[in-house]
Amino acid sequence: MSYSLMSENVDPNSRAVVGDEGFKPKLHKIAVLMTDGSYNRSYHGSSSTTQAREICDSIKATGITVYTVGFRIGVGSTPDVTIQLCATSPSHYYNASSGEALKQAFRDIAIKISDLRISE
């Protein structure tokens, strides 16, 4: 499906545009990234943390909403900051300290996106 629908408002009478509060795009693309914070590969000479941040920035630049879920990552650590920066906003970031907290994070994400239709 074309990304161009992401810039079209569901309400044709609305003057809201992409980035405005109240803008509701016809299409939502979402990525959910989960990590334990151990980035163990780097390519082309830069650090894996730098590469992870660049990849996330590239994903978000296309209009994809990014949810991040960390599992047992030290609060305030470099991996924790990286997944916070990777998320679309603070409300799209989770850092689960237990299996139950991990389940709750995914439940919360499911609720937030439940009004969306999944397609291939």
PDB file of N, CA and C in Angstrom:
ATOM      1  N   MET A   1       0.845  -1.169   0.000  1.00  0.00           N
ATOM      2  CA  MET A   1       0.000   0.000   0.000  1.00  0.00           C
ATOM      3  C   MET A   1       0.895   1.239   0.000  1.00  0.00           C
ATOM      4  N   SER A   2       0.487   2.237  -0.676  1.00  0.00           N
ATOM      5  CA  SER A   2       1.279   3.451  -0.840  1.00  0.00           C
ATOM      6  C   SER A   2       1.389   4.243   0.462  1.00  0.00           C
ATOM      7  N   TYR A   3       2.593   4.751   0.710  1.00  0.00           N
ATOM      8  CA  TYR A   3       2.798   5.609   1.870  1.00  0.00           C
ATOM      9  C   TYR A   3       2.078   6.942   1.710  1.00  0.00           C
ATOM     10  N   SER A   4       1.674   7.305   0.506  1.00  0.00           N
ATOM     11  CA  SER A   4       1.035   8.599   0.292  1.00  0.00           C
ATOM     12  C   SER A   4      -0.250   8.734   1.112  1.00  0.00           C
ATOM     13  N   LEU A   5      -0.903   7.626   1.426  1.00  0.00           N
ATOM     14  CA  LEU A   5      -2.117   7.687   2.233  1.00  0.00           C
ATOM     15  C   LEU A   5      -1.837   8.174   3.649  1.00  0.00           C
ATOM     16  N   MET A   6      -0.570   8.100   4.083  1.00  0.00           N
ATOM     17  CA  MET A   6      -0.220   8.566   5.421  1.00  0.00           C
ATOM     18  C   MET A   6      -0.358  10.082   5.523  1.00  0.00           C
ATOM     19  N   SER A   7      -0.331  10.770   4.389  1.00  0.00           N
ATOM     20  CA  SER A   7      -0.429  12.222   4.420  1.00  0.00           C
ATOM     21  C   SER A   7      -1.834  12.715   4.079  1.00  0.00           C
ATOM     22  N   GLU A   8      -2.755  11.786   3.889  1.00  0.00           N
ATOM     23  CA  GLU A   8      -4.140  12.149   3.619  1.00  0.00           C
ATOM     24  C   GLU A   8      -4.963  12.006   4.891  1.00  0.00           C
ATOM     25  N   ASN A   9      -5.751  13.021   5.200  1.00  0.00           N
ATOM     26  CA  ASN A   9      -6.568  13.029   6.398  1.00  0.00           C
ATOM     27  C   ASN A   9      -7.838  12.226   6.171  1.00  0.00           C
ATOM     28  N   VAL A  10      -8.251  11.467   7.180  1.00  0.00           N
ATOM     29  CA  VAL A  10      -9.494  10.708   7.115  1.00  0.00           C
ATOM     30  C   VAL A  10     -10.672  11.651   6.904  1.00  0.00           C
ATOM     31  N   ASP A  11     -10.616  12.813   7.526  1.00  0.00           N
ATOM     32  CA  ASP A  11     -11.682  13.807   7.413  1.00  0.00           C
ATOM     33  C   ASP A  11     -11.329  14.787   6.294  1.00  0.00           C
ATOM     34  N   PRO A  12     -11.985  14.694   5.151  1.00  0.00           N
ATOM     35  CA  PRO A  12     -11.639  15.565   4.027  1.00  0.00           C
ATOM     36  C   PRO A  12     -11.952  17.038   4.290  1.00  0.00           C
ATOM     37  N   ASN A  13     -12.793  17.324   5.288  1.00  0.00           N
ATOM     38  CA  ASN A  13     -13.146  18.710   5.611  1.00  0.00           C
ATOM     39  C   ASN A  13     -12.195  19.343   6.619  1.00  0.00           C
ATOM     40  N   SER A  14     -11.309  18.541   7.180  1.00  0.00           N
ATOM     41  CA  SER A  14     -10.372  19.055   8.174  1.00  0.00           C
ATOM     42  C   SER A  14      -9.244  19.820   7.500  1.00  0.00           C
ATOM     43  N   ARG A  15      -8.779  20.861   8.157  1.00  0.00           N
ATOM     44  CA  ARG A  15      -7.630  21.621   7.646  1.00  0.00           C
ATOM     45  C   ARG A  15      -6.326  21.147   8.285  1.00  0.00           C
ATOM     46  N   ALA A  16      -6.425  20.148   9.193  1.00  0.00           N
ATOM     47  CA  ALA A  16      -5.230  19.613   9.856  1.00  0.00           C
ATOM     48  C   ALA A  16      -4.364  18.896   8.829  1.00  0.00           C
ATOM     49  N   VAL A  17      -3.067  19.085   8.966  1.00  0.00           N
ATOM     50  CA  VAL A  17      -2.102  18.426   8.095  1.00  0.00           C
ATOM     51  C   VAL A  17      -1.161  17.591   8.947  1.00  0.00           C
ATOM     52  N   VAL A  18      -0.349  16.767   8.291  1.00  0.00           N
ATOM     53  CA  VAL A  18       0.608  15.915   9.002  1.00  0.00           C
ATOM     54  C   VAL A  18       1.370  16.752  10.014  1.00  0.00           C
ATOM     55  N   GLY A  19       1.430  16.262  11.249  1.00  0.00           N
ATOM     56  CA  GLY A  19       2.130  16.969  12.321  1.00  0.00           C
ATOM     57  C   GLY A  19       1.206  17.781  13.209  1.00  0.00           C
ATOM     58  N   ASP A  20       0.014  18.123  12.712  1.00  0.00           N
ATOM     59  CA  ASP A  20      -0.949  18.874  13.513  1.00  0.00           C
ATOM     60  C   ASP A  20      -1.686  17.939  14.460  1.00  0.00           C
ATOM     61  N   GLU A  21      -1.997  18.462  15.654  1.00  0.00           N
ATOM     62  CA  GLU A  21      -2.843  17.696  16.554  1.00  0.00           C
ATOM     63  C   GLU A  21      -4.210  17.581  15.899  1.00  0.00           C
ATOM     64  N   GLY A  22      -4.800  16.439  15.936  1.00  0.00           N
ATOM     65  CA  GLY A  22      -6.090  16.232  15.305  1.00  0.00           C
ATOM     66  C   GLY A  22      -6.002  15.648  13.911  1.00  0.00           C
ATOM     67  N   PHE A  23      -4.797  15.596  13.355  1.00  0.00           N
ATOM     68  CA  PHE A  23      -4.643  14.979  12.040  1.00  0.00           C
ATOM     69  C   PHE A  23      -4.778  13.475  12.193  1.00  0.00           C
ATOM     70  N   LYS A  24      -5.629  12.876  11.399  1.00  0.00           N
ATOM     71  CA  LYS A  24      -5.834  11.428  11.435  1.00  0.00           C
ATOM     72  C   LYS A  24      -5.573  10.875  10.037  1.00  0.00           C
ATOM     73  N   PRO A  25      -4.401  10.265   9.852  1.00  0.00           N
ATOM     74  CA  PRO A  25      -4.079   9.755   8.517  1.00  0.00           C
ATOM     75  C   PRO A  25      -4.931   8.557   8.135  1.00  0.00           C
ATOM     76  N   LYS A  26      -5.097   8.369   6.835  1.00  0.00           N
ATOM     77  CA  LYS A  26      -5.837   7.216   6.335  1.00  0.00           C
ATOM     78  C   LYS A  26      -5.073   5.924   6.552  1.00  0.00           C
ATOM     79  N   LEU A  27      -3.779   6.031   6.674  1.00  0.00           N
ATOM     80  CA  LEU A  27      -2.940   4.848   6.806  1.00  0.00           C
ATOM     81  C   LEU A  27      -1.984   5.021   7.976  1.00  0.00           C
ATOM     82  N   HIS A  28      -1.843   3.992   8.805  1.00  0.00           N
ATOM     83  CA  HIS A  28      -0.884   3.969   9.904  1.00  0.00           C
ATOM     84  C   HIS A  28       0.065   2.800   9.669  1.00  0.00           C
ATOM     85  N   LYS A  29       1.332   3.065   9.710  1.00  0.00           N
ATOM     86  CA  LYS A  29       2.315   1.981   9.664  1.00  0.00           C
ATOM     87  C   LYS A  29       3.031   1.999  10.999  1.00  0.00           C
ATOM     88  N   ILE A  30       3.160   0.817  11.594  1.00  0.00           N
ATOM     89  CA  ILE A  30       3.687   0.703  12.955  1.00  0.00           C
ATOM     90  C   ILE A  30       4.771  -0.361  12.996  1.00  0.00           C
ATOM     91  N   ALA A  31       5.823  -0.050  13.751  1.00  0.00           N
ATOM     92  CA  ALA A  31       6.880  -1.030  14.019  1.00  0.00           C
ATOM     93  C   ALA A  31       6.992  -1.174  15.523  1.00  0.00           C
ATOM     94  N   VAL A  32       7.107  -2.402  15.986  1.00  0.00           N
ATOM     95  CA  VAL A  32       7.344  -2.676  17.400  1.00  0.00           C
ATOM     96  C   VAL A  32       8.715  -3.336  17.490  1.00  0.00           C
ATOM     97  N   LEU A  33       9.638  -2.658  18.156  1.00  0.00           N
ATOM     98  CA  LEU A  33      11.001  -3.156  18.293  1.00  0.00           C
ATOM     99  C   LEU A  33      11.241  -3.564  19.733  1.00  0.00           C
ATOM    100  N   MET A  34      11.677  -4.794  19.930  1.00  0.00           N
ATOM    101  CA  MET A  34      11.997  -5.283  21.266  1.00  0.00           C
ATOM    102  C   MET A  34      13.472  -5.636  21.318  1.00  0.00           C
ATOM    103  N   THR A  35      14.099  -5.299  22.446  1.00  0.00           N
ATOM    104  CA  THR A  35      15.524  -5.586  22.589  1.00  0.00           C
ATOM    105  C   THR A  35      15.885  -5.828  24.043  1.00  0.00           C
ATOM    106  N   ASP A  36      16.983  -6.548  24.220  1.00  0.00           N
ATOM    107  CA  ASP A  36      17.560  -6.676  25.558  1.00  0.00           C
ATOM    108  C   ASP A  36      18.666  -5.645  25.738  1.00  0.00           C
ATOM    109  N   GLY A  37      18.868  -4.820  24.708  1.00  0.00           N
ATOM    110  CA  GLY A  37      19.845  -3.735  24.794  1.00  0.00           C
ATOM    111  C   GLY A  37      21.249  -4.117  24.388  1.00  0.00           C
ATOM    112  N   SER A  38      21.456  -5.364  24.053  1.00  0.00           N
ATOM    113  CA  SER A  38      22.792  -5.799  23.643  1.00  0.00           C
ATOM    114  C   SER A  38      22.902  -5.740  22.130  1.00  0.00           C
ATOM    115  N   TYR A  39      23.470  -4.660  21.652  1.00  0.00           N
ATOM    116  CA  TYR A  39      23.696  -4.509  20.211  1.00  0.00           C
ATOM    117  C   TYR A  39      25.073  -5.090  19.949  1.00  0.00           C
ATOM    118  N   ASN A  40      25.097  -6.268  19.384  1.00  0.00           N
ATOM    119  CA  ASN A  40      26.361  -6.986  19.313  1.00  0.00           C
ATOM    120  C   ASN A  40      27.015  -6.977  17.935  1.00  0.00           C
ATOM    121  N   ARG A  41      26.481  -6.257  17.001  1.00  0.00           N
ATOM    122  CA  ARG A  41      27.081  -6.180  15.670  1.00  0.00           C
ATOM    123  C   ARG A  41      27.179  -4.728  15.242  1.00  0.00           C
ATOM    124  N   SER A  42      28.263  -4.383  14.615  1.00  0.00           N
ATOM    125  CA  SER A  42      28.362  -3.069  14.002  1.00  0.00           C
ATOM    126  C   SER A  42      28.941  -3.237  12.611  1.00  0.00           C
ATOM    127  N   TYR A  43      28.569  -2.331  11.753  1.00  0.00           N
ATOM    128  CA  TYR A  43      29.001  -2.399  10.365  1.00  0.00           C
ATOM    129  C   TYR A  43      29.541  -1.043   9.935  1.00  0.00           C
ATOM    130  N   HIS A  44      30.434  -1.053   9.017  1.00  0.00           N
ATOM    131  CA  HIS A  44      30.971   0.159   8.407  1.00  0.00           C
ATOM    132  C   HIS A  44      31.674   1.078   9.406  1.00  0.00           C
ATOM    133  N   GLY A  45      32.203   0.528  10.476  1.00  0.00           N
ATOM    134  CA  GLY A  45      33.060   1.287  11.371  1.00  0.00           C
ATOM    135  C   GLY A  45      32.409   2.113  12.455  1.00  0.00           C
ATOM    136  N   SER A  46      31.094   2.322  12.429  1.00  0.00           N
ATOM    137  CA  SER A  46      30.488   3.091  13.517  1.00  0.00           C
ATOM    138  C   SER A  46      29.961   2.130  14.582  1.00  0.00           C
ATOM    139  N   SER A  47      29.672   2.658  15.757  1.00  0.00           N
ATOM    140  CA  SER A  47      29.222   1.804  16.857  1.00  0.00           C
ATOM    141  C   SER A  47      27.817   1.274  16.589  1.00  0.00           C
ATOM    142  N   SER A  48      27.495   0.148  17.188  1.00  0.00           N
ATOM    143  CA  SER A  48      26.172  -0.440  16.998  1.00  0.00           C
ATOM    144  C   SER A  48      25.084   0.459  17.585  1.00  0.00           C
ATOM    145  N   THR A  49      25.398   1.192  18.660  1.00  0.00           N
ATOM    146  CA  THR A  49      24.423   2.119  19.237  1.00  0.00           C
ATOM    147  C   THR A  49      24.130   3.248  18.256  1.00  0.00           C
ATOM    148  N   THR A  50      25.157   3.797  17.659  1.00  0.00           N
ATOM    149  CA  THR A  50      24.977   4.860  16.660  1.00  0.00           C
ATOM    150  C   THR A  50      24.158   4.345  15.494  1.00  0.00           C
ATOM    151  N   GLN A  51      24.464   3.143  15.044  1.00  0.00           N
ATOM    152  CA  GLN A  51      23.723   2.565  13.926  1.00  0.00           C
ATOM    153  C   GLN A  51      22.258   2.339  14.287  1.00  0.00           C
ATOM    154  N   ALA A  52      21.999   1.859  15.506  1.00  0.00           N
ATOM    155  CA  ALA A  52      20.618   1.636  15.941  1.00  0.00           C
ATOM    156  C   ALA A  52      19.847   2.950  15.939  1.00  0.00           C
ATOM    157  N   ARG A  53      20.453   4.008  16.433  1.00  0.00           N
ATOM    158  CA  ARG A  53      19.783   5.317  16.463  1.00  0.00           C
ATOM    159  C   ARG A  53      19.530   5.838  15.051  1.00  0.00           C
ATOM    160  N   GLU A  54      20.483   5.656  14.153  1.00  0.00           N
ATOM    161  CA  GLU A  54      20.313   6.106  12.771  1.00  0.00           C
ATOM    162  C   GLU A  54      19.197   5.334  12.072  1.00  0.00           C
ATOM    163  N   ILE A  55      19.133   4.032  12.316  1.00  0.00           N
ATOM    164  CA  ILE A  55      18.074   3.217  11.717  1.00  0.00           C
ATOM    165  C   ILE A  55      16.709   3.675  12.220  1.00  0.00           C
ATOM    166  N   CYS A  56      16.598   3.911  13.510  1.00  0.00           N
ATOM    167  CA  CYS A  56      15.322   4.372  14.074  1.00  0.00           C
ATOM    168  C   CYS A  56      14.926   5.721  13.496  1.00  0.00           C
ATOM    169  N   ASP A  57      15.882   6.632  13.384  1.00  0.00           N
ATOM    170  CA  ASP A  57      15.585   7.942  12.796  1.00  0.00           C
ATOM    171  C   ASP A  57      15.085   7.791  11.364  1.00  0.00           C
ATOM    172  N   SER A  58      15.701   6.885  10.616  1.00  0.00           N
ATOM    173  CA  SER A  58      15.288   6.651   9.229  1.00  0.00           C
ATOM    174  C   SER A  58      13.872   6.085   9.164  1.00  0.00           C
ATOM    175  N   ILE A  59      13.564   5.159  10.056  1.00  0.00           N
ATOM    176  CA  ILE A  59      12.221   4.566  10.083  1.00  0.00           C
ATOM    177  C   ILE A  59      11.184   5.642  10.390  1.00  0.00           C
ATOM    178  N   LYS A  60      11.434   6.430  11.431  1.00  0.00           N
ATOM    179  CA  LYS A  60      10.477   7.467  11.814  1.00  0.00           C
ATOM    180  C   LYS A  60      10.330   8.536  10.742  1.00  0.00           C
ATOM    181  N   ALA A  61      11.391   8.827  10.006  1.00  0.00           N
ATOM    182  CA  ALA A  61      11.346   9.842   8.952  1.00  0.00           C
ATOM    183  C   ALA A  61      10.386   9.460   7.834  1.00  0.00           C
ATOM    184  N   THR A  62      10.101   8.175   7.680  1.00  0.00           N
ATOM    185  CA  THR A  62       9.157   7.729   6.655  1.00  0.00           C
ATOM    186  C   THR A  62       7.717   7.802   7.143  1.00  0.00           C
ATOM    187  N   GLY A  63       7.513   8.181   8.406  1.00  0.00           N
ATOM    188  CA  GLY A  63       6.164   8.293   8.949  1.00  0.00           C
ATOM    189  C   GLY A  63       5.695   7.069   9.705  1.00  0.00           C
ATOM    190  N   ILE A  64       6.563   6.094   9.873  1.00  0.00           N
ATOM    191  CA  ILE A  64       6.198   4.895  10.624  1.00  0.00           C
ATOM    192  C   ILE A  64       6.244   5.198  12.115  1.00  0.00           C
ATOM    193  N   THR A  65       5.214   4.806  12.829  1.00  0.00           N
ATOM    194  CA  THR A  65       5.177   4.953  14.283  1.00  0.00           C
ATOM    195  C   THR A  65       5.984   3.818  14.895  1.00  0.00           C
ATOM    196  N   VAL A  66       6.899   4.165  15.793  1.00  0.00           N
ATOM    197  CA  VAL A  66       7.783   3.165  16.387  1.00  0.00           C
ATOM    198  C   VAL A  66       7.501   3.031  17.881  1.00  0.00           C
ATOM    199  N   TYR A  67       7.142   1.814  18.272  1.00  0.00           N
ATOM    200  CA  TYR A  67       7.047   1.449  19.686  1.00  0.00           C
ATOM    201  C   TYR A  67       8.314   0.676  20.021  1.00  0.00           C
ATOM    202  N   THR A  68       8.908   0.964  21.168  1.00  0.00           N
ATOM    203  CA  THR A  68      10.077   0.198  21.588  1.00  0.00           C
ATOM    204  C   THR A  68       9.798  -0.454  22.934  1.00  0.00           C
ATOM    205  N   VAL A  69      10.297  -1.672  23.066  1.00  0.00           N
ATOM    206  CA  VAL A  69      10.131  -2.431  24.294  1.00  0.00           C
ATOM    207  C   VAL A  69      11.504  -2.970  24.681  1.00  0.00           C
ATOM    208  N   GLY A  70      11.991  -2.513  25.809  1.00  0.00           N
ATOM    209  CA  GLY A  70      13.230  -3.042  26.357  1.00  0.00           C
ATOM    210  C   GLY A  70      12.909  -4.090  27.396  1.00  0.00           C
ATOM    211  N   PHE A  71      13.785  -5.052  27.535  1.00  0.00           N
ATOM    212  CA  PHE A  71      13.570  -6.092  28.545  1.00  0.00           C
ATOM    213  C   PHE A  71      14.792  -6.180  29.435  1.00  0.00           C
ATOM    214  N   ARG A  72      14.574  -5.853  30.705  1.00  0.00           N
ATOM    215  CA  ARG A  72      15.622  -5.900  31.721  1.00  0.00           C
ATOM    216  C   ARG A  72      16.842  -5.061  31.335  1.00  0.00           C
ATOM    217  N   ILE A  73      16.569  -3.840  30.905  1.00  0.00           N
ATOM    218  CA  ILE A  73      17.627  -2.893  30.552  1.00  0.00           C
ATOM    219  C   ILE A  73      17.746  -1.891  31.697  1.00  0.00           C
ATOM    220  N   GLY A  74      18.958  -1.638  32.120  1.00  0.00           N
ATOM    221  CA  GLY A  74      19.189  -0.702  33.217  1.00  0.00           C
ATOM    222  C   GLY A  74      18.662   0.689  32.885  1.00  0.00           C
ATOM    223  N   VAL A  75      17.822   1.226  33.762  1.00  0.00           N
ATOM    224  CA  VAL A  75      17.242   2.551  33.561  1.00  0.00           C
ATOM    225  C   VAL A  75      18.364   3.586  33.491  1.00  0.00           C
ATOM    226  N   GLY A  76      18.331   4.411  32.448  1.00  0.00           N
ATOM    227  CA  GLY A  76      19.330   5.459  32.266  1.00  0.00           C
ATOM    228  C   GLY A  76      20.598   4.998  31.567  1.00  0.00           C
ATOM    229  N   SER A  77      20.708   3.706  31.290  1.00  0.00           N
ATOM    230  CA  SER A  77      21.888   3.179  30.599  1.00  0.00           C
ATOM    231  C   SER A  77      21.853   3.601  29.122  1.00  0.00           C
ATOM    232  N   THR A  78      22.961   3.431  28.436  1.00  0.00           N
ATOM    233  CA  THR A  78      23.008   3.778  27.012  1.00  0.00           C
ATOM    234  C   THR A  78      21.945   3.027  26.209  1.00  0.00           C
ATOM    235  N   PRO A  79      21.778   1.714  26.413  1.00  0.00           N
ATOM    236  CA  PRO A  79      20.696   1.034  25.666  1.00  0.00           C
ATOM    237  C   PRO A  79      19.311   1.582  26.009  1.00  0.00           C
ATOM    238  N   ASP A  80      19.088   1.945  27.259  1.00  0.00           N
ATOM    239  CA  ASP A  80      17.799   2.499  27.661  1.00  0.00           C
ATOM    240  C   ASP A  80      17.552   3.830  26.957  1.00  0.00           C
ATOM    241  N   VAL A  81      18.542   4.687  26.939  1.00  0.00           N
ATOM    242  CA  VAL A  81      18.413   5.979  26.258  1.00  0.00           C
ATOM    243  C   VAL A  81      18.193   5.757  24.762  1.00  0.00           C
ATOM    244  N   THR A  82      18.887   4.784  24.200  1.00  0.00           N
ATOM    245  CA  THR A  82      18.748   4.489  22.771  1.00  0.00           C
ATOM    246  C   THR A  82      17.327   4.079  22.420  1.00  0.00           C
ATOM    247  N   ILE A  83      16.724   3.191  23.210  1.00  0.00           N
ATOM    248  CA  ILE A  83      15.358   2.774  22.868  1.00  0.00           C
ATOM    249  C   ILE A  83      14.352   3.886  23.158  1.00  0.00           C
ATOM    250  N   GLN A  84      14.658   4.757  24.117  1.00  0.00           N
ATOM    251  CA  GLN A  84      13.782   5.913  24.333  1.00  0.00           C
ATOM    252  C   GLN A  84      13.816   6.835  23.118  1.00  0.00           C
ATOM    253  N   LEU A  85      15.024   7.085  22.600  1.00  0.00           N
ATOM    254  CA  LEU A  85      15.166   7.952  21.426  1.00  0.00           C
ATOM    255  C   LEU A  85      14.573   7.307  20.174  1.00  0.00           C
ATOM    256  N   CYS A  86      14.592   6.002  20.131  1.00  0.00           N
ATOM    257  CA  CYS A  86      14.072   5.276  18.973  1.00  0.00           C
ATOM    258  C   CYS A  86      12.546   5.355  18.916  1.00  0.00           C
ATOM    259  N   ALA A  87      11.906   5.385  20.051  1.00  0.00           N
ATOM    260  CA  ALA A  87      10.444   5.426  20.092  1.00  0.00           C
ATOM    261  C   ALA A  87       9.931   6.750  19.528  1.00  0.00           C
ATOM    262  N   THR A  88       8.759   6.706  18.939  1.00  0.00           N
ATOM    263  CA  THR A  88       8.150   7.903  18.373  1.00  0.00           C
ATOM    264  C   THR A  88       7.960   8.998  19.418  1.00  0.00           C
ATOM    265  N   SER A  89       7.606   8.607  20.625  1.00  0.00           N
ATOM    266  CA  SER A  89       7.419   9.560  21.729  1.00  0.00           C
ATOM    267  C   SER A  89       7.607   8.798  23.036  1.00  0.00           C
ATOM    268  N   PRO A  90       7.667   9.502  24.162  1.00  0.00           N
ATOM    269  CA  PRO A  90       7.789   8.786  25.435  1.00  0.00           C
ATOM    270  C   PRO A  90       6.657   7.784  25.684  1.00  0.00           C
ATOM    271  N   SER A  91       5.467   8.044  25.152  1.00  0.00           N
ATOM    272  CA  SER A  91       4.354   7.112  25.361  1.00  0.00           C
ATOM    273  C   SER A  91       4.465   5.867  24.471  1.00  0.00           C
ATOM    274  N   HIS A  92       5.454   5.836  23.594  1.00  0.00           N
ATOM    275  CA  HIS A  92       5.696   4.687  22.722  1.00  0.00           C
ATOM    276  C   HIS A  92       6.870   3.836  23.219  1.00  0.00           C
ATOM    277  N   TYR A  93       7.382   4.158  24.399  1.00  0.00           N
ATOM    278  CA  TYR A  93       8.568   3.493  24.970  1.00  0.00           C
ATOM    279  C   TYR A  93       8.170   2.690  26.205  1.00  0.00           C
ATOM    280  N   TYR A  94       8.697   1.468  26.291  1.00  0.00           N
ATOM    281  CA  TYR A  94       8.477   0.608  27.452  1.00  0.00           C
ATOM    282  C   TYR A  94       9.804  -0.034  27.833  1.00  0.00           C
ATOM    283  N   ASN A  95      10.029  -0.176  29.129  1.00  0.00           N
ATOM    284  CA  ASN A  95      11.198  -0.902  29.624  1.00  0.00           C
ATOM    285  C   ASN A  95      10.694  -1.851  30.701  1.00  0.00           C
ATOM    286  N   ALA A  96      10.560  -3.103  30.336  1.00  0.00           N
ATOM    287  CA  ALA A  96       9.982  -4.109  31.225  1.00  0.00           C
ATOM    288  C   ALA A  96      11.071  -4.775  32.059  1.00  0.00           C
ATOM    289  N   SER A  97      10.829  -4.869  33.347  1.00  0.00           N
ATOM    290  CA  SER A  97      11.812  -5.473  34.253  1.00  0.00           C
ATOM    291  C   SER A  97      11.504  -6.934  34.580  1.00  0.00           C
ATOM    292  N   SER A  98      10.341  -7.412  34.129  1.00  0.00           N
ATOM    293  CA  SER A  98       9.957  -8.801  34.411  1.00  0.00           C
ATOM    294  C   SER A  98       9.120  -9.341  33.259  1.00  0.00           C
ATOM    295  N   GLY A  99       8.898 -10.635  33.280  1.00  0.00           N
ATOM    296  CA  GLY A  99       8.061 -11.242  32.262  1.00  0.00           C
ATOM    297  C   GLY A  99       6.651 -10.691  32.272  1.00  0.00           C
ATOM    298  N   GLU A 100       6.106 -10.472  33.450  1.00  0.00           N
ATOM    299  CA  GLU A 100       4.759  -9.921  33.564  1.00  0.00           C
ATOM    300  C   GLU A 100       4.711  -8.490  33.027  1.00  0.00           C
ATOM    301  N   ALA A 101       5.725  -7.691  33.322  1.00  0.00           N
ATOM    302  CA  ALA A 101       5.785  -6.318  32.803  1.00  0.00           C
ATOM    303  C   ALA A 101       5.918  -6.326  31.277  1.00  0.00           C
ATOM    304  N   LEU A 102       6.618  -7.312  30.742  1.00  0.00           N
ATOM    305  CA  LEU A 102       6.764  -7.444  29.297  1.00  0.00           C
ATOM    306  C   LEU A 102       5.401  -7.748  28.647  1.00  0.00           C
ATOM    307  N   LYS A 103       4.663  -8.676  29.244  1.00  0.00           N
ATOM    308  CA  LYS A 103       3.319  -8.976  28.743  1.00  0.00           C
ATOM    309  C   LYS A 103       2.433  -7.735  28.784  1.00  0.00           C
ATOM    310  N   GLN A 104       2.532  -6.974  29.868  1.00  0.00           N
ATOM    311  CA  GLN A 104       1.717  -5.776  30.019  1.00  0.00           C
ATOM    312  C   GLN A 104       2.081  -4.725  28.970  1.00  0.00           C
ATOM    313  N   ALA A 105       3.359  -4.605  28.656  1.00  0.00           N
ATOM    314  CA  ALA A 105       3.786  -3.646  27.628  1.00  0.00           C
ATOM    315  C   ALA A 105       3.141  -3.987  26.292  1.00  0.00           C
ATOM    316  N   PHE A 106       3.176  -5.259  25.918  1.00  0.00           N
ATOM    317  CA  PHE A 106       2.575  -5.662  24.647  1.00  0.00           C
ATOM    318  C   PHE A 106       1.055  -5.545  24.671  1.00  0.00           C
ATOM    319  N   ARG A 107       0.430  -5.790  25.821  1.00  0.00           N
ATOM    320  CA  ARG A 107      -1.016  -5.571  25.946  1.00  0.00           C
ATOM    321  C   ARG A 107      -1.345  -4.103  25.715  1.00  0.00           C
ATOM    322  N   ASP A 108      -0.544  -3.232  26.339  1.00  0.00           N
ATOM    323  CA  ASP A 108      -0.769  -1.795  26.215  1.00  0.00           C
ATOM    324  C   ASP A 108      -0.635  -1.345  24.763  1.00  0.00           C
ATOM    325  N   ILE A 109       0.381  -1.835  24.087  1.00  0.00           N
ATOM    326  CA  ILE A 109       0.569  -1.495  22.674  1.00  0.00           C
ATOM    327  C   ILE A 109      -0.621  -1.991  21.856  1.00  0.00           C
ATOM    328  N   ALA A 110      -1.062  -3.208  22.119  1.00  0.00           N
ATOM    329  CA  ALA A 110      -2.205  -3.764  21.389  1.00  0.00           C
ATOM    330  C   ALA A 110      -3.453  -2.905  21.569  1.00  0.00           C
ATOM    331  N   ILE A 111      -3.670  -2.428  22.780  1.00  0.00           N
ATOM    332  CA  ILE A 111      -4.827  -1.564  23.045  1.00  0.00           C
ATOM    333  C   ILE A 111      -4.690  -0.249  22.278  1.00  0.00           C
ATOM    334  N   LYS A 112      -3.493   0.317  22.275  1.00  0.00           N
ATOM    335  CA  LYS A 112      -3.280   1.591  21.593  1.00  0.00           C
ATOM    336  C   LYS A 112      -3.512   1.494  20.088  1.00  0.00           C
ATOM    337  N   ILE A 113      -3.221   0.351  19.504  1.00  0.00           N
ATOM    338  CA  ILE A 113      -3.358   0.214  18.052  1.00  0.00           C
ATOM    339  C   ILE A 113      -4.589  -0.597  17.658  1.00  0.00           C
ATOM    340  N   SER A 114      -5.441  -0.941  18.617  1.00  0.00           N
ATOM    341  CA  SER A 114      -6.560  -1.848  18.354  1.00  0.00           C
ATOM    342  C   SER A 114      -7.572  -1.307  17.348  1.00  0.00           C
ATOM    343  N   ASP A 115      -7.622  -0.004  17.181  1.00  0.00           N
ATOM    344  CA  ASP A 115      -8.590   0.534  16.214  1.00  0.00           C
ATOM    345  C   ASP A 115      -8.043   0.489  14.791  1.00  0.00           C
ATOM    346  N   LEU A 116      -6.849  -0.041  14.649  1.00  0.00           N
ATOM    347  CA  LEU A 116      -6.238  -0.132  13.322  1.00  0.00           C
ATOM    348  C   LEU A 116      -6.514  -1.491  12.706  1.00  0.00           C
ATOM    349  N   ARG A 117      -6.507  -1.552  11.393  1.00  0.00           N
ATOM    350  CA  ARG A 117      -6.697  -2.798  10.670  1.00  0.00           C
ATOM    351  C   ARG A 117      -5.352  -3.293  10.183  1.00  0.00           C
ATOM    352  N   ILE A 118      -5.033  -4.530  10.450  1.00  0.00           N
ATOM    353  CA  ILE A 118      -3.774  -5.110  10.008  1.00  0.00           C
ATOM    354  C   ILE A 118      -3.967  -5.659   8.604  1.00  0.00           C
ATOM    355  N   SER A 119      -3.039  -5.326   7.705  1.00  0.00           N
ATOM    356  CA  SER A 119      -3.107  -5.850   6.346  1.00  0.00           C
ATOM    357  C   SER A 119      -1.732  -6.293   5.892  1.00  0.00           C
ATOM    358  N   GLU A 120      -1.697  -7.066   4.843  1.00  0.00           N
ATOM    359  CA  GLU A 120      -0.428  -7.553   4.320  1.00  0.00           C
ATOM    360  C   GLU A 120       0.173  -6.541   3.383  1.00  0.00           C
TER     361      GLU A 120
END
